[in-house]
Protein backbone atom coordinates (compact mmCIF):
# COMPACT_ATOMS: atom_id res chain seq x y z
CA UNK A 1 -3.15 -0.38 15.00
CA UNK A 2 -6.82 -0.51 17.01
CA UNK A 3 -8.53 2.70 15.26
CA UNK A 4 -11.48 2.79 17.28
CA UNK A 5 -9.87 3.46 20.10
CA UNK A 6 -7.86 6.33 19.01
CA UNK A 7 -10.97 7.81 16.96
CA UNK A 8 -12.82 7.65 20.04
CA UNK A 9 -9.53 9.17 21.95
CA UNK A 10 -9.11 12.21 19.48
CA UNK A 11 -11.08 14.49 20.89
CA UNK A 12 -9.36 14.45 24.60
CA UNK A 13 -5.95 13.07 23.61
CA UNK A 14 -3.90 16.26 24.05
CA UNK A 15 -4.15 16.40 27.60
CA UNK A 16 -1.40 18.74 29.36
CA UNK A 17 0.61 14.74 30.56
CA UNK A 18 0.33 13.99 26.90
CA UNK A 19 2.03 17.45 25.59
CA UNK A 20 4.53 17.39 28.62
CA UNK A 21 5.42 14.11 27.42
CA UNK A 22 5.51 14.78 23.66
CA UNK A 23 8.17 17.98 24.87
CA UNK A 24 9.86 15.80 26.18
CA UNK A 25 10.30 13.37 23.33
CA UNK A 26 10.39 15.97 20.63
CA UNK A 27 13.24 17.60 22.80
CA UNK A 28 14.88 14.44 21.79
CA UNK A 29 14.16 13.42 18.36
CA UNK A 30 15.29 17.07 17.45
CA UNK A 31 18.49 16.12 18.78
CA UNK A 32 18.92 13.12 15.39
CA UNK A 33 17.52 15.37 12.99
CA UNK A 34 19.98 15.50 10.29
CA UNK A 35 19.54 19.23 7.73
CA UNK A 36 16.25 19.17 7.24
CA UNK A 37 15.44 22.35 5.20
CA UNK A 38 14.88 20.85 1.82
CA UNK A 39 13.81 17.41 3.07
CA UNK A 40 10.66 15.60 3.47
CA UNK A 41 9.47 13.98 6.53
CA UNK A 42 6.60 11.48 6.37
CA UNK A 43 4.91 11.19 10.71
CA UNK A 44 3.72 7.70 10.81
CA UNK A 45 0.51 7.31 13.30
CA UNK A 46 0.64 11.23 13.23
CA UNK A 47 -2.36 11.25 15.80
CA UNK A 48 -2.69 15.27 16.49
CA UNK A 49 0.29 15.73 15.34
CA UNK A 50 1.91 16.92 18.79
CA UNK A 51 5.26 15.52 17.66
CA UNK A 52 5.79 16.63 14.70
CA UNK A 53 3.57 20.14 13.66
CA UNK A 54 5.87 22.14 16.25
CA UNK A 55 8.60 20.46 14.21
CA UNK A 56 7.15 21.63 10.38
CA UNK A 57 8.83 24.61 10.08
CA UNK A 58 11.87 23.18 9.86
CA UNK A 59 11.39 20.82 7.11
CA UNK A 60 10.97 21.79 3.04
CA UNK A 61 7.50 19.47 3.23
CA UNK A 62 5.09 17.07 5.96
CA UNK A 63 3.11 14.15 5.89
CA UNK A 64 1.32 13.37 8.45
CA UNK A 65 -0.19 9.64 8.26
CA UNK A 66 -2.40 8.40 10.46
CA UNK A 67 -5.00 5.19 10.48
CA UNK A 68 -7.38 7.64 12.43
CA UNK A 69 -9.75 10.42 10.56
CA UNK A 70 -10.54 12.35 13.77
CA UNK A 71 -7.19 12.39 14.79
CA UNK A 72 -6.51 14.08 11.33
CA UNK A 73 -9.20 16.30 12.32
CA UNK A 74 -7.77 17.56 15.02
CA UNK A 75 -4.50 18.01 13.11
CA UNK A 76 -6.35 19.79 10.55
CA UNK A 77 -7.62 22.92 13.01
CA UNK A 78 -4.00 22.99 14.24
CA UNK A 79 -2.50 23.35 11.01
CA UNK A 80 -4.60 26.21 10.32
CA UNK A 81 -4.26 27.72 13.65
CA UNK A 82 -0.59 27.45 13.17
CA UNK A 83 -0.68 28.87 9.08
CA UNK A 84 1.27 25.98 7.59
CA UNK A 85 1.00 25.35 4.46
CA UNK A 86 3.57 22.96 4.32
CA UNK A 87 1.83 20.33 5.79
CA UNK A 88 -0.37 17.44 3.74
CA UNK A 89 -2.99 15.26 5.84
CA UNK A 90 -3.41 11.25 4.72
CA UNK A 91 -5.33 8.45 6.24
CA UNK A 92 -3.79 5.44 5.48
CA UNK A 93 -3.02 2.14 6.96
CA UNK A 94 0.73 0.98 5.51
CA UNK A 95 0.12 -2.18 6.91
CA UNK A 96 -2.21 -2.87 4.69
CA UNK A 97 -1.72 -0.51 1.60
CA UNK A 98 1.22 0.26 -0.45
CA UNK A 99 1.81 3.29 0.47
CA UNK A 100 2.51 6.02 -2.13
CA UNK A 101 4.60 8.71 -0.53
CA UNK A 102 8.19 8.72 -0.17
CA UNK A 103 10.27 10.71 2.35
CA UNK A 104 13.84 11.38 4.00
CA UNK A 105 12.73 11.26 7.42
CA UNK A 106 10.21 9.14 9.20
CA UNK A 107 9.13 9.62 11.97
CA UNK A 108 7.12 6.85 14.51
CA UNK A 109 6.21 8.24 17.56
CA UNK A 110 5.02 5.46 20.35
CA UNK A 111 3.32 3.56 17.28
CA UNK A 112 4.71 0.49 16.92
CA UNK A 113 3.67 -0.81 20.22
CA UNK A 114 -0.08 -0.85 18.45
CA UNK A 115 0.91 -2.11 15.41
CA UNK A 116 1.04 -6.13 15.32
CA UNK A 117 2.77 -7.16 12.44
CA UNK A 118 5.99 -4.88 13.41
CA UNK A 119 8.26 -6.60 10.17
CA UNK A 120 5.80 -5.69 8.08
CA UNK A 121 5.44 -2.23 8.65
CA UNK A 122 8.75 -1.43 9.28
CA UNK A 123 9.75 -3.28 5.89
CA UNK A 124 6.50 -0.88 4.57
CA UNK A 125 8.66 2.43 6.18
CA UNK A 126 12.32 1.21 4.67
CA UNK A 127 10.07 1.27 0.91
CA UNK A 128 8.82 5.19 1.47
CA UNK A 129 11.93 6.40 2.87
CA UNK A 130 14.35 7.74 0.12
CA UNK A 131 18.28 6.16 -0.34
CA UNK A 132 20.02 7.62 2.51
CA UNK A 133 16.19 8.19 4.87
CA UNK A 134 16.54 7.98 8.03
CA UNK A 135 13.80 6.30 10.15
CA UNK A 136 13.48 7.59 13.91
CA UNK A 137 11.11 4.92 16.65
CA UNK A 138 10.28 6.06 19.72
CA UNK A 139 8.60 3.95 21.52
CA UNK A 140 8.53 1.87 25.04
CA UNK A 141 11.79 -0.34 26.43
CA UNK A 142 10.00 -4.53 27.00
CA UNK A 143 8.11 -3.74 30.05
CA UNK A 144 7.29 -6.91 32.42
CA UNK A 145 4.04 -5.04 34.23
CA UNK A 146 2.73 -4.01 30.78
CA UNK A 147 -0.09 -6.92 29.75
CA UNK A 148 -2.40 -5.96 26.44
CA UNK A 149 -3.51 -8.34 24.03
CA UNK A 150 -4.07 -5.25 21.12
CA UNK A 151 -0.22 -4.02 22.03
CA UNK A 152 3.21 -5.12 21.91
CA UNK A 153 4.63 -4.66 25.93
CA UNK A 154 7.75 -2.34 24.75
CA UNK A 155 10.47 -3.64 23.10
CA UNK A 156 14.16 -5.15 23.48
CA UNK A 157 16.31 -3.44 22.12
CA UNK A 158 18.64 -6.15 20.69
CA UNK A 159 15.86 -7.69 18.67
CA UNK A 160 14.31 -4.62 17.42
CA UNK A 161 18.39 -3.99 16.37
CA UNK A 162 18.85 -7.46 14.35
CA UNK A 163 14.61 -7.06 12.32
CA UNK A 164 15.82 -3.36 11.68
CA UNK A 165 18.76 -4.96 10.60
CA UNK A 166 17.28 -7.64 8.29
CA UNK A 167 14.75 -5.25 6.86
CA UNK A 168 18.31 -3.49 5.38
CA UNK A 169 18.52 -0.38 7.71
CA UNK A 170 21.96 0.51 8.26
CA UNK A 171 24.00 2.40 11.24
CA UNK A 172 21.23 1.38 14.10
CA UNK A 173 21.06 3.20 17.31
CA UNK A 174 18.89 2.44 20.09
CA UNK A 175 19.49 3.97 23.80
CA UNK A 176 16.93 4.65 26.75
CA UNK A 177 16.42 8.22 27.02
CA UNK A 178 13.36 9.20 29.34
CA UNK A 179 11.91 7.30 32.31
CA UNK A 180 8.76 8.27 34.27
CA UNK A 181 5.75 7.29 36.03
CA UNK A 182 2.89 6.44 34.66
CA UNK A 183 3.41 6.57 30.91
CA UNK A 184 2.80 2.84 30.15
CA UNK A 185 -0.40 1.80 31.20
CA UNK A 186 -0.34 3.27 33.51
CA UNK A 187 3.20 2.08 34.33
CA UNK A 188 6.71 3.28 35.19
CA UNK A 189 8.56 2.17 32.08
CA UNK A 190 10.90 3.70 29.72
CA UNK A 191 11.33 5.29 26.55
CA UNK A 192 14.01 4.23 23.71
CA UNK A 193 14.88 6.44 20.29
CA UNK A 194 15.66 4.39 17.71
CA UNK A 195 17.45 5.84 13.93
CA UNK A 196 18.50 4.02 11.49
CA UNK A 197 19.34 4.94 8.09
CA UNK A 198 18.13 3.06 4.82
């Protein structure tokens, strides 16, 4: 991930537009969650916790992991404000270091497009999941209008499904669930949710 960009963006990341998109994404994620009361959630690329902190009370334990320290500082303030005692913050890049956490549910929301080596990070997350654990990815459908040297221009469903299967994931389901104006590099774009099980 482009750490420098997110270190800089942290203090102005939670815009009304970002919050509205997070609400839409979170609502869809909740329809895919298993019974979570005794489970551990790992939000990789958690940013300021926009997606996962409102879900924290549904889980036994929540890990917010991000490469950007400034993002995690904002999350820390929110955790204190909301009096959440089951949330742990960790600054780490799973693409370059071995994860030390194990989780039942891993969430990756609008993060995969920022990671150059898709296979490497998904393999790392596979290893981080408990057996029968669930990976939930939310990201953009492939978008020919988006061109940027540091991000993917979205993902093709069939290619992502094949990659997840090659790594070892099963019960893979990918569906587009939302289309919005100017949500991806100022372009109209569609979001998908991909669920799979280790």
